[in-house]
């Protein structure tokens, strides 16, 4: 049993960043799906308004979880944190545009707009966004600086 534990711990340490990103990504994904459902299906908001408010809340949540738990940013000064947050938001705006385009094409334009269909389209859009967000965060926002 100890060998299995040691192997598992070794694999976790090797892939800690990806595992953390997946964990916090799932939490952010569930939060996003819940908020979209709440705003769109329960409160009857337009899918784009629901998605944008959900996006704002989830981006703030994701910034802090990515900064602290996933990429373990070492930036401590306010100016550096503000720049990091600005860059994070800019990157997330690009994936918001991707997500909004998917919602527009399938829900608004093609008419897949029942409560169930809108949630399926949101789910599909989220998978595209999750991959793009990881790549942008890894390459541009929280990249390790060469010393």
N, C-alpha and C. Protein backbone atom coordinates (compact mmCIF):
# COMPACT_ATOMS: atom_id res chain seq x y z
N UNK A 1 0.82 -1.20 0.00
CA UNK A 1 0.00 0.00 0.00
C UNK A 1 0.87 1.26 0.00
N UNK A 2 1.98 1.20 0.74
CA UNK A 2 2.87 2.36 0.80
C UNK A 2 3.45 2.66 -0.58
N UNK A 3 3.77 1.61 -1.35
CA UNK A 3 4.30 1.83 -2.70
C UNK A 3 3.29 2.55 -3.58
N UNK A 4 2.05 2.15 -3.47
CA UNK A 4 0.99 2.79 -4.25
C UNK A 4 0.84 4.25 -3.85
N UNK A 5 0.86 4.50 -2.53
CA UNK A 5 0.76 5.86 -2.02
C UNK A 5 1.94 6.70 -2.52
N UNK A 6 3.15 6.15 -2.42
CA UNK A 6 4.34 6.87 -2.87
C UNK A 6 4.27 7.18 -4.37
N UNK A 7 3.82 6.21 -5.15
CA UNK A 7 3.67 6.43 -6.59
C UNK A 7 2.64 7.53 -6.86
N UNK A 8 1.51 7.45 -6.18
CA UNK A 8 0.45 8.46 -6.35
C UNK A 8 0.93 9.85 -5.97
N UNK A 9 1.66 9.94 -4.86
CA UNK A 9 2.18 11.24 -4.41
C UNK A 9 3.20 11.78 -5.40
N UNK A 10 4.05 10.90 -5.91
CA UNK A 10 5.06 11.30 -6.91
C UNK A 10 4.37 11.84 -8.17
N UNK A 11 3.34 11.16 -8.62
CA UNK A 11 2.61 11.60 -9.83
C UNK A 11 1.90 12.94 -9.57
N UNK A 12 1.32 13.06 -8.37
CA UNK A 12 0.66 14.32 -8.02
C UNK A 12 1.67 15.47 -8.04
N UNK A 13 2.82 15.27 -7.41
CA UNK A 13 3.84 16.33 -7.36
C UNK A 13 4.33 16.69 -8.76
N UNK A 14 4.44 15.68 -9.62
CA UNK A 14 4.91 15.91 -10.98
C UNK A 14 3.88 16.72 -11.78
N UNK A 15 2.61 16.44 -11.57
CA UNK A 15 1.54 17.08 -12.34
C UNK A 15 0.66 17.98 -11.46
N UNK A 16 1.22 18.49 -10.39
CA UNK A 16 0.45 19.26 -9.41
C UNK A 16 -0.28 20.44 -10.04
N UNK A 17 0.38 21.16 -10.92
CA UNK A 17 -0.25 22.33 -11.54
C UNK A 17 -1.47 21.93 -12.35
N UNK A 18 -1.35 20.90 -13.14
CA UNK A 18 -2.48 20.44 -13.97
C UNK A 18 -3.61 19.92 -13.08
N UNK A 19 -3.26 19.14 -12.06
CA UNK A 19 -4.28 18.60 -11.15
C UNK A 19 -5.00 19.76 -10.44
N UNK A 20 -4.24 20.74 -9.95
CA UNK A 20 -4.85 21.89 -9.28
C UNK A 20 -5.73 22.68 -10.25
N UNK A 21 -5.23 22.87 -11.48
CA UNK A 21 -6.04 23.59 -12.47
C UNK A 21 -7.34 22.84 -12.74
N UNK A 22 -7.25 21.53 -12.86
CA UNK A 22 -8.46 20.74 -13.11
C UNK A 22 -9.43 20.83 -11.93
N UNK A 23 -8.91 20.72 -10.71
CA UNK A 23 -9.78 20.81 -9.53
C UNK A 23 -10.47 22.16 -9.48
N UNK A 24 -9.68 23.26 -9.50
CA UNK A 24 -10.27 24.59 -9.40
C UNK A 24 -11.07 24.94 -10.65
N UNK A 25 -10.67 24.37 -11.78
CA UNK A 25 -11.44 24.56 -13.00
C UNK A 25 -12.82 23.92 -12.90
N UNK A 26 -12.88 22.74 -12.29
CA UNK A 26 -14.18 22.08 -12.09
C UNK A 26 -15.05 22.91 -11.15
N UNK A 27 -14.45 23.44 -10.08
CA UNK A 27 -15.21 24.29 -9.16
C UNK A 27 -15.73 25.53 -9.89
N UNK A 28 -14.87 26.19 -10.67
CA UNK A 28 -15.28 27.38 -11.43
C UNK A 28 -16.34 27.00 -12.47
N UNK A 29 -16.16 25.86 -13.12
CA UNK A 29 -17.13 25.37 -14.10
C UNK A 29 -18.49 25.16 -13.45
N UNK A 30 -18.52 24.49 -12.30
CA UNK A 30 -19.79 24.25 -11.60
C UNK A 30 -20.43 25.56 -11.16
N UNK A 31 -19.62 26.49 -10.69
CA UNK A 31 -20.13 27.81 -10.32
C UNK A 31 -20.72 28.51 -11.53
N UNK A 32 -20.02 28.46 -12.65
CA UNK A 32 -20.50 29.09 -13.88
C UNK A 32 -21.80 28.47 -14.36
N UNK A 33 -21.85 27.15 -14.37
CA UNK A 33 -23.06 26.46 -14.82
C UNK A 33 -24.24 26.78 -13.89
N UNK A 34 -23.99 26.80 -12.58
CA UNK A 34 -25.05 27.12 -11.63
C UNK A 34 -25.55 28.55 -11.83
N UNK A 35 -24.62 29.50 -11.94
CA UNK A 35 -25.02 30.89 -12.10
C UNK A 35 -25.78 31.11 -13.41
N UNK A 36 -25.30 30.48 -14.50
CA UNK A 36 -26.01 30.59 -15.78
C UNK A 36 -27.42 30.03 -15.65
N UNK A 37 -27.54 28.86 -15.03
CA UNK A 37 -28.85 28.25 -14.81
C UNK A 37 -29.74 29.18 -13.99
N UNK A 38 -29.19 29.71 -12.90
CA UNK A 38 -29.95 30.60 -12.02
C UNK A 38 -30.44 31.84 -12.78
N UNK A 39 -29.51 32.51 -13.45
CA UNK A 39 -29.86 33.76 -14.14
C UNK A 39 -30.76 33.51 -15.35
N UNK A 40 -30.45 32.50 -16.14
CA UNK A 40 -31.17 32.25 -17.40
C UNK A 40 -32.45 31.44 -17.19
N UNK A 41 -32.34 30.31 -16.54
CA UNK A 41 -33.49 29.40 -16.43
C UNK A 41 -34.43 29.73 -15.28
N UNK A 42 -33.90 30.15 -14.14
CA UNK A 42 -34.76 30.44 -12.99
C UNK A 42 -35.28 31.87 -13.02
N UNK A 43 -34.39 32.82 -13.34
CA UNK A 43 -34.80 34.22 -13.30
C UNK A 43 -35.23 34.75 -14.66
N UNK A 44 -35.04 33.95 -15.72
CA UNK A 44 -35.53 34.31 -17.04
C UNK A 44 -34.73 35.37 -17.79
N UNK A 45 -33.49 35.59 -17.38
CA UNK A 45 -32.67 36.57 -18.08
C UNK A 45 -32.29 36.06 -19.46
N UNK A 46 -32.02 36.97 -20.37
CA UNK A 46 -31.47 36.65 -21.69
C UNK A 46 -30.17 35.88 -21.49
N UNK A 47 -29.91 34.89 -22.37
CA UNK A 47 -28.73 34.04 -22.20
C UNK A 47 -27.42 34.82 -22.22
N UNK A 48 -27.37 35.91 -22.98
CA UNK A 48 -26.13 36.68 -23.05
C UNK A 48 -25.92 37.51 -21.78
N UNK A 49 -26.98 38.10 -21.25
CA UNK A 49 -26.86 38.85 -19.99
C UNK A 49 -26.51 37.89 -18.86
N UNK A 50 -27.16 36.72 -18.84
CA UNK A 50 -26.87 35.72 -17.81
C UNK A 50 -25.41 35.27 -17.90
N UNK A 51 -24.94 35.04 -19.11
CA UNK A 51 -23.57 34.57 -19.31
C UNK A 51 -22.55 35.62 -18.90
N UNK A 52 -22.81 36.87 -19.21
CA UNK A 52 -21.83 37.92 -18.89
C UNK A 52 -21.74 38.15 -17.38
N UNK A 53 -22.87 38.19 -16.67
CA UNK A 53 -22.79 38.35 -15.21
C UNK A 53 -22.13 37.13 -14.58
N UNK A 54 -22.50 35.96 -15.05
CA UNK A 54 -21.87 34.73 -14.56
C UNK A 54 -20.36 34.79 -14.82
N UNK A 55 -19.97 35.28 -15.98
CA UNK A 55 -18.55 35.39 -16.36
C UNK A 55 -17.80 36.31 -15.40
N UNK A 56 -18.38 37.46 -15.08
CA UNK A 56 -17.72 38.43 -14.19
C UNK A 56 -17.44 37.79 -12.83
N UNK A 57 -18.43 37.13 -12.28
CA UNK A 57 -18.27 36.50 -10.96
C UNK A 57 -17.22 35.40 -11.02
N UNK A 58 -17.28 34.57 -12.04
CA UNK A 58 -16.36 33.43 -12.15
C UNK A 58 -14.94 33.89 -12.45
N UNK A 59 -14.76 34.95 -13.22
CA UNK A 59 -13.41 35.45 -13.50
C UNK A 59 -12.72 35.92 -12.23
N UNK A 60 -13.43 36.62 -11.37
CA UNK A 60 -12.82 37.06 -10.11
C UNK A 60 -12.46 35.85 -9.26
N UNK A 61 -13.37 34.90 -9.16
CA UNK A 61 -13.10 33.66 -8.42
C UNK A 61 -11.89 32.93 -9.02
N UNK A 62 -11.88 32.77 -10.35
CA UNK A 62 -10.81 32.03 -11.03
C UNK A 62 -9.45 32.72 -10.89
N UNK A 63 -9.45 34.05 -10.93
CA UNK A 63 -8.17 34.75 -10.79
C UNK A 63 -7.52 34.38 -9.45
N UNK A 64 -8.28 34.48 -8.38
CA UNK A 64 -7.70 34.22 -7.07
C UNK A 64 -7.32 32.75 -6.89
N UNK A 65 -8.14 31.83 -7.35
CA UNK A 65 -7.78 30.42 -7.20
C UNK A 65 -6.58 30.06 -8.09
N UNK A 66 -6.52 30.61 -9.31
CA UNK A 66 -5.37 30.36 -10.19
C UNK A 66 -4.11 30.98 -9.60
N UNK A 67 -4.22 32.19 -9.11
CA UNK A 67 -3.07 32.91 -8.56
C UNK A 67 -2.50 32.20 -7.34
N UNK A 68 -3.38 31.78 -6.44
CA UNK A 68 -2.94 31.23 -5.16
C UNK A 68 -2.63 29.73 -5.24
N UNK A 69 -3.55 28.95 -5.80
CA UNK A 69 -3.46 27.49 -5.71
C UNK A 69 -2.87 26.81 -6.93
N UNK A 70 -3.09 27.38 -8.12
CA UNK A 70 -2.66 26.68 -9.34
C UNK A 70 -1.25 27.10 -9.74
N UNK A 71 -1.10 28.36 -10.08
CA UNK A 71 0.18 28.84 -10.61
C UNK A 71 1.09 29.43 -9.54
N UNK A 72 0.55 29.59 -8.33
CA UNK A 72 1.32 30.05 -7.17
C UNK A 72 2.17 31.28 -7.48
N UNK A 73 1.48 32.32 -7.89
CA UNK A 73 2.15 33.56 -8.27
C UNK A 73 2.95 34.12 -7.11
N UNK A 74 4.14 34.58 -7.43
CA UNK A 74 5.04 35.14 -6.42
C UNK A 74 4.94 36.67 -6.34
N UNK A 75 4.16 37.27 -7.19
CA UNK A 75 4.03 38.73 -7.21
C UNK A 75 3.32 39.18 -5.94
N UNK A 76 3.92 40.15 -5.26
CA UNK A 76 3.38 40.62 -3.98
C UNK A 76 2.98 42.10 -3.99
N UNK A 77 3.59 42.89 -4.86
CA UNK A 77 3.30 44.32 -4.84
C UNK A 77 1.98 44.61 -5.57
N UNK A 78 1.30 45.66 -5.13
CA UNK A 78 -0.01 46.01 -5.67
C UNK A 78 0.05 46.27 -7.17
N UNK A 79 1.07 46.97 -7.64
CA UNK A 79 1.20 47.27 -9.07
C UNK A 79 1.34 45.98 -9.88
N UNK A 80 2.14 45.04 -9.39
CA UNK A 80 2.32 43.76 -10.07
C UNK A 80 1.05 42.94 -10.08
N UNK A 81 0.34 42.92 -8.94
CA UNK A 81 -0.92 42.18 -8.87
C UNK A 81 -1.96 42.80 -9.80
N UNK A 82 -2.01 44.14 -9.84
CA UNK A 82 -2.96 44.82 -10.73
C UNK A 82 -2.68 44.49 -12.19
N UNK A 83 -1.39 44.45 -12.56
CA UNK A 83 -1.03 44.09 -13.94
C UNK A 83 -1.40 42.64 -14.23
N UNK A 84 -1.12 41.76 -13.29
CA UNK A 84 -1.44 40.36 -13.45
C UNK A 84 -2.96 40.16 -13.61
N UNK A 85 -3.74 40.86 -12.76
CA UNK A 85 -5.20 40.77 -12.84
C UNK A 85 -5.69 41.34 -14.18
N UNK A 86 -5.13 42.47 -14.59
CA UNK A 86 -5.51 43.07 -15.88
C UNK A 86 -5.25 42.10 -17.02
N UNK A 87 -4.08 41.50 -17.03
CA UNK A 87 -3.74 40.54 -18.09
C UNK A 87 -4.67 39.32 -18.04
N UNK A 88 -4.99 38.87 -16.84
CA UNK A 88 -5.91 37.74 -16.66
C UNK A 88 -7.28 38.07 -17.25
N UNK A 89 -7.78 39.26 -16.92
CA UNK A 89 -9.09 39.68 -17.43
C UNK A 89 -9.07 39.82 -18.95
N UNK A 90 -8.01 40.39 -19.49
CA UNK A 90 -7.91 40.52 -20.96
C UNK A 90 -7.94 39.15 -21.62
N UNK A 91 -7.18 38.21 -21.08
CA UNK A 91 -7.19 36.85 -21.64
C UNK A 91 -8.57 36.23 -21.52
N UNK A 92 -9.23 36.44 -20.40
CA UNK A 92 -10.56 35.87 -20.20
C UNK A 92 -11.60 36.55 -21.09
N UNK A 93 -11.39 37.81 -21.42
CA UNK A 93 -12.31 38.48 -22.35
C UNK A 93 -12.27 37.78 -23.71
N UNK A 94 -11.08 37.37 -24.13
CA UNK A 94 -10.98 36.68 -25.41
C UNK A 94 -11.76 35.36 -25.39
N UNK A 95 -11.73 34.65 -24.26
CA UNK A 95 -12.49 33.41 -24.20
C UNK A 95 -13.97 33.68 -23.96
N UNK A 96 -14.30 34.83 -23.35
CA UNK A 96 -15.71 35.22 -23.24
C UNK A 96 -16.28 35.45 -24.64
N UNK A 97 -15.51 36.08 -25.51
CA UNK A 97 -15.95 36.30 -26.90
C UNK A 97 -16.19 34.95 -27.58
N UNK A 98 -15.29 34.00 -27.37
CA UNK A 98 -15.48 32.65 -27.92
C UNK A 98 -16.77 32.03 -27.40
N UNK A 99 -16.98 32.12 -26.09
CA UNK A 99 -18.17 31.54 -25.48
C UNK A 99 -19.44 32.23 -25.96
N UNK A 100 -19.42 33.54 -26.01
CA UNK A 100 -20.59 34.29 -26.49
C UNK A 100 -20.90 33.94 -27.95
N UNK A 101 -19.86 33.75 -28.76
CA UNK A 101 -20.08 33.37 -30.16
C UNK A 101 -20.76 32.00 -30.25
N UNK A 102 -20.31 31.07 -29.42
CA UNK A 102 -20.93 29.74 -29.41
C UNK A 102 -22.39 29.85 -28.98
N UNK A 103 -22.66 30.61 -27.91
CA UNK A 103 -24.04 30.79 -27.45
C UNK A 103 -24.89 31.47 -28.52
N UNK A 104 -24.34 32.50 -29.15
CA UNK A 104 -25.09 33.21 -30.18
C UNK A 104 -25.44 32.29 -31.36
N UNK A 105 -24.45 31.59 -31.84
CA UNK A 105 -24.66 30.72 -33.01
C UNK A 105 -25.72 29.65 -32.70
N UNK A 106 -25.57 28.96 -31.58
CA UNK A 106 -26.43 27.82 -31.32
C UNK A 106 -27.75 28.16 -30.64
N UNK A 107 -27.74 29.11 -29.71
CA UNK A 107 -28.98 29.43 -28.98
C UNK A 107 -29.78 30.51 -29.71
N UNK A 108 -29.14 31.63 -30.00
CA UNK A 108 -29.85 32.75 -30.60
C UNK A 108 -30.14 32.52 -32.08
N UNK A 109 -29.13 32.18 -32.83
CA UNK A 109 -29.26 32.09 -34.28
C UNK A 109 -29.92 30.80 -34.74
N UNK A 110 -29.45 29.66 -34.21
CA UNK A 110 -29.97 28.37 -34.66
C UNK A 110 -31.20 27.92 -33.87
N UNK A 111 -31.51 28.60 -32.77
CA UNK A 111 -32.74 28.34 -32.04
C UNK A 111 -32.74 27.18 -31.07
N UNK A 112 -31.56 26.73 -30.64
CA UNK A 112 -31.51 25.69 -29.60
C UNK A 112 -31.68 26.39 -28.25
N UNK A 113 -32.91 26.81 -27.97
CA UNK A 113 -33.12 27.72 -26.85
C UNK A 113 -34.07 27.22 -25.77
N UNK A 114 -34.36 25.93 -25.75
CA UNK A 114 -35.12 25.44 -24.60
C UNK A 114 -34.19 25.46 -23.39
N UNK A 115 -34.75 25.32 -22.20
CA UNK A 115 -33.91 25.33 -20.99
C UNK A 115 -32.84 24.25 -21.04
N UNK A 116 -33.23 23.07 -21.48
CA UNK A 116 -32.27 21.96 -21.57
C UNK A 116 -31.21 22.24 -22.65
N UNK A 117 -31.66 22.65 -23.83
CA UNK A 117 -30.73 22.91 -24.93
C UNK A 117 -29.74 24.02 -24.57
N UNK A 118 -30.22 25.08 -23.93
CA UNK A 118 -29.30 26.17 -23.58
C UNK A 118 -28.24 25.70 -22.59
N UNK A 119 -28.60 24.79 -21.68
CA UNK A 119 -27.61 24.27 -20.74
C UNK A 119 -26.60 23.37 -21.44
N UNK A 120 -27.05 22.59 -22.43
CA UNK A 120 -26.12 21.74 -23.19
C UNK A 120 -25.15 22.61 -23.99
N UNK A 121 -25.66 23.66 -24.62
CA UNK A 121 -24.79 24.57 -25.39
C UNK A 121 -23.80 25.25 -24.46
N UNK A 122 -24.26 25.69 -23.29
CA UNK A 122 -23.36 26.30 -22.30
C UNK A 122 -22.28 25.30 -21.89
N UNK A 123 -22.63 24.06 -21.69
CA UNK A 123 -21.68 23.01 -21.32
C UNK A 123 -20.62 22.84 -22.40
N UNK A 124 -21.03 22.75 -23.65
CA UNK A 124 -20.09 22.61 -24.76
C UNK A 124 -19.16 23.82 -24.83
N UNK A 125 -19.73 24.99 -24.69
CA UNK A 125 -18.93 26.22 -24.73
C UNK A 125 -17.90 26.24 -23.60
N UNK A 126 -18.30 25.76 -22.43
CA UNK A 126 -17.39 25.75 -21.29
C UNK A 126 -16.16 24.88 -21.54
N UNK A 127 -16.32 23.75 -22.21
CA UNK A 127 -15.17 22.90 -22.49
C UNK A 127 -14.16 23.62 -23.39
N UNK A 128 -14.64 24.31 -24.40
CA UNK A 128 -13.74 25.08 -25.28
C UNK A 128 -13.04 26.17 -24.49
N UNK A 129 -13.77 26.82 -23.62
CA UNK A 129 -13.23 27.93 -22.82
C UNK A 129 -12.20 27.43 -21.80
N UNK A 130 -12.45 26.31 -21.17
CA UNK A 130 -11.53 25.78 -20.16
C UNK A 130 -10.15 25.51 -20.76
N UNK A 131 -10.12 24.88 -21.92
CA UNK A 131 -8.85 24.59 -22.58
C UNK A 131 -8.14 25.89 -22.95
N UNK A 132 -8.86 26.81 -23.57
CA UNK A 132 -8.26 28.09 -23.98
C UNK A 132 -7.76 28.87 -22.77
N UNK A 133 -8.52 28.88 -21.67
CA UNK A 133 -8.10 29.60 -20.47
C UNK A 133 -6.81 29.04 -19.88
N UNK A 134 -6.67 27.72 -19.85
CA UNK A 134 -5.44 27.13 -19.32
C UNK A 134 -4.24 27.55 -20.16
N UNK A 135 -4.38 27.44 -21.46
CA UNK A 135 -3.27 27.79 -22.36
C UNK A 135 -2.89 29.26 -22.17
N UNK A 136 -3.87 30.14 -22.16
CA UNK A 136 -3.58 31.58 -22.00
C UNK A 136 -2.96 31.87 -20.64
N UNK A 137 -3.49 31.25 -19.59
CA UNK A 137 -2.93 31.48 -18.24
C UNK A 137 -1.51 30.96 -18.14
N UNK A 138 -1.28 29.78 -18.65
CA UNK A 138 0.05 29.14 -18.57
C UNK A 138 1.08 29.91 -19.38
N UNK A 139 0.71 30.33 -20.59
CA UNK A 139 1.68 30.96 -21.49
C UNK A 139 1.86 32.46 -21.26
N UNK A 140 0.81 33.15 -20.81
CA UNK A 140 0.89 34.61 -20.78
C UNK A 140 0.70 35.24 -19.41
N UNK A 141 -0.11 34.69 -18.56
CA UNK A 141 -0.43 35.38 -17.31
C UNK A 141 0.49 34.96 -16.17
N UNK A 142 0.54 33.68 -15.90
CA UNK A 142 1.27 33.17 -14.74
C UNK A 142 2.54 32.43 -15.14
N UNK A 143 3.11 32.80 -16.27
CA UNK A 143 4.32 32.10 -16.73
C UNK A 143 5.45 32.35 -15.74
N UNK A 144 6.25 31.34 -15.61
CA UNK A 144 7.40 31.44 -14.70
C UNK A 144 8.45 32.33 -15.36
N UNK A 145 8.89 33.32 -14.63
CA UNK A 145 9.91 34.23 -15.14
C UNK A 145 11.27 33.59 -15.01
N UNK A 146 12.08 33.69 -16.06
CA UNK A 146 13.45 33.20 -15.99
C UNK A 146 14.25 34.10 -15.06
N UNK A 147 15.10 33.50 -14.27
CA UNK A 147 15.89 34.29 -13.32
C UNK A 147 17.22 34.63 -13.91
